[in-house]
Amino acid sequence: MTKTLDDYLNDPDLANEPAALREVHAARLFIQDETKGMTTAERTAYYNEAAARFFTSDNSQPSTETVTK
């Protein structure tokens, strides 16, 4: 069974952490398990692909938030 990020966020070992820190730890554990056993070249490709997906996602949508002064 593959663990999801939600599984890591609900991990009892992280329950006492502040929310922001719990998210960081959960993401780190998720990536650590995904890349376990990879060679250096495979891990580099994994990170490069993740970065490419991030930077090529459609971030051009206008914000729906309003700014009040």
Protein backbone atom coordinates (compact mmCIF):
# COMPACT_ATOMS: atom_id res chain seq x y z
CA MET A 1 0.00 0.00 0.00
CA THR A 2 1.34 3.40 -0.98
CA LYS A 3 1.01 6.05 1.68
CA THR A 4 -0.48 9.39 0.72
CA LEU A 5 0.50 12.79 2.04
CA ASP A 6 -2.63 12.73 4.23
CA ASP A 7 -1.37 9.51 5.83
CA TYR A 8 1.82 11.31 6.80
CA LEU A 9 -0.06 14.38 8.04
CA ASN A 10 -2.13 12.16 10.36
CA ASP A 11 0.89 10.25 11.64
CA PRO A 12 0.74 10.08 15.47
CA ASP A 13 4.47 10.86 15.67
CA LEU A 14 3.76 14.29 14.14
CA ALA A 15 0.57 15.01 16.10
CA ASN A 16 2.24 17.29 18.64
CA GLU A 17 3.97 19.45 16.03
CA PRO A 18 2.59 22.87 15.03
CA ALA A 19 0.59 22.66 11.79
CA ALA A 20 3.21 24.28 9.54
CA LEU A 21 6.02 22.12 10.89
CA ARG A 22 3.84 19.01 10.62
CA GLU A 23 3.31 19.78 6.91
CA VAL A 24 7.06 20.16 6.33
CA HIS A 25 7.84 16.91 8.15
CA ALA A 26 5.06 15.05 6.31
CA ALA A 27 6.31 16.28 2.93
CA ARG A 28 9.88 15.32 3.80
CA LEU A 29 8.82 11.81 4.86
CA PHE A 30 6.67 11.42 1.74
CA ILE A 31 9.56 12.36 -0.57
CA GLN A 32 11.99 10.22 1.43
CA ASP A 33 9.78 7.15 0.96
CA GLU A 34 9.20 7.90 -2.73
CA THR A 35 12.91 8.20 -3.46
CA LYS A 36 14.07 5.31 -1.26
CA GLY A 37 16.39 3.02 -3.17
CA MET A 38 16.90 5.40 -6.09
CA THR A 39 20.32 6.03 -7.49
CA THR A 40 21.69 9.55 -7.49
CA ALA A 41 20.81 9.93 -11.16
CA GLU A 42 17.24 8.68 -10.57
CA ARG A 43 16.78 11.01 -7.60
CA THR A 44 18.09 13.96 -9.63
CA ALA A 45 15.64 13.12 -12.43
CA TYR A 46 12.82 12.89 -9.85
CA TYR A 47 13.56 16.38 -8.53
CA ASN A 48 14.03 17.83 -12.02
CA GLU A 49 10.68 16.42 -13.16
CA ALA A 50 8.93 17.76 -10.05
CA ALA A 51 10.44 21.21 -10.61
CA ALA A 52 9.47 21.16 -14.29
CA ARG A 53 5.87 20.24 -13.40
CA PHE A 54 5.78 23.08 -10.88
CA PHE A 55 7.16 25.72 -13.24
CA THR A 56 5.09 24.63 -16.23
CA SER A 57 1.80 24.53 -14.32
CA ASP A 58 -0.65 27.26 -15.22
CA ASN A 59 0.14 29.96 -12.68
CA SER A 60 -1.15 32.70 -14.96
CA GLN A 61 -4.71 32.63 -13.63
CA PRO A 62 -5.72 35.94 -12.05
CA SER A 63 -6.14 35.90 -8.32
CA THR A 64 -9.68 35.89 -6.99
CA GLU A 65 -8.56 37.53 -3.77
CA THR A 66 -9.33 41.18 -3.19
CA VAL A 67 -7.06 43.60 -1.45
CA THR A 68 -8.60 45.92 1.08
CA LYS A 69 -6.84 48.90 2.53
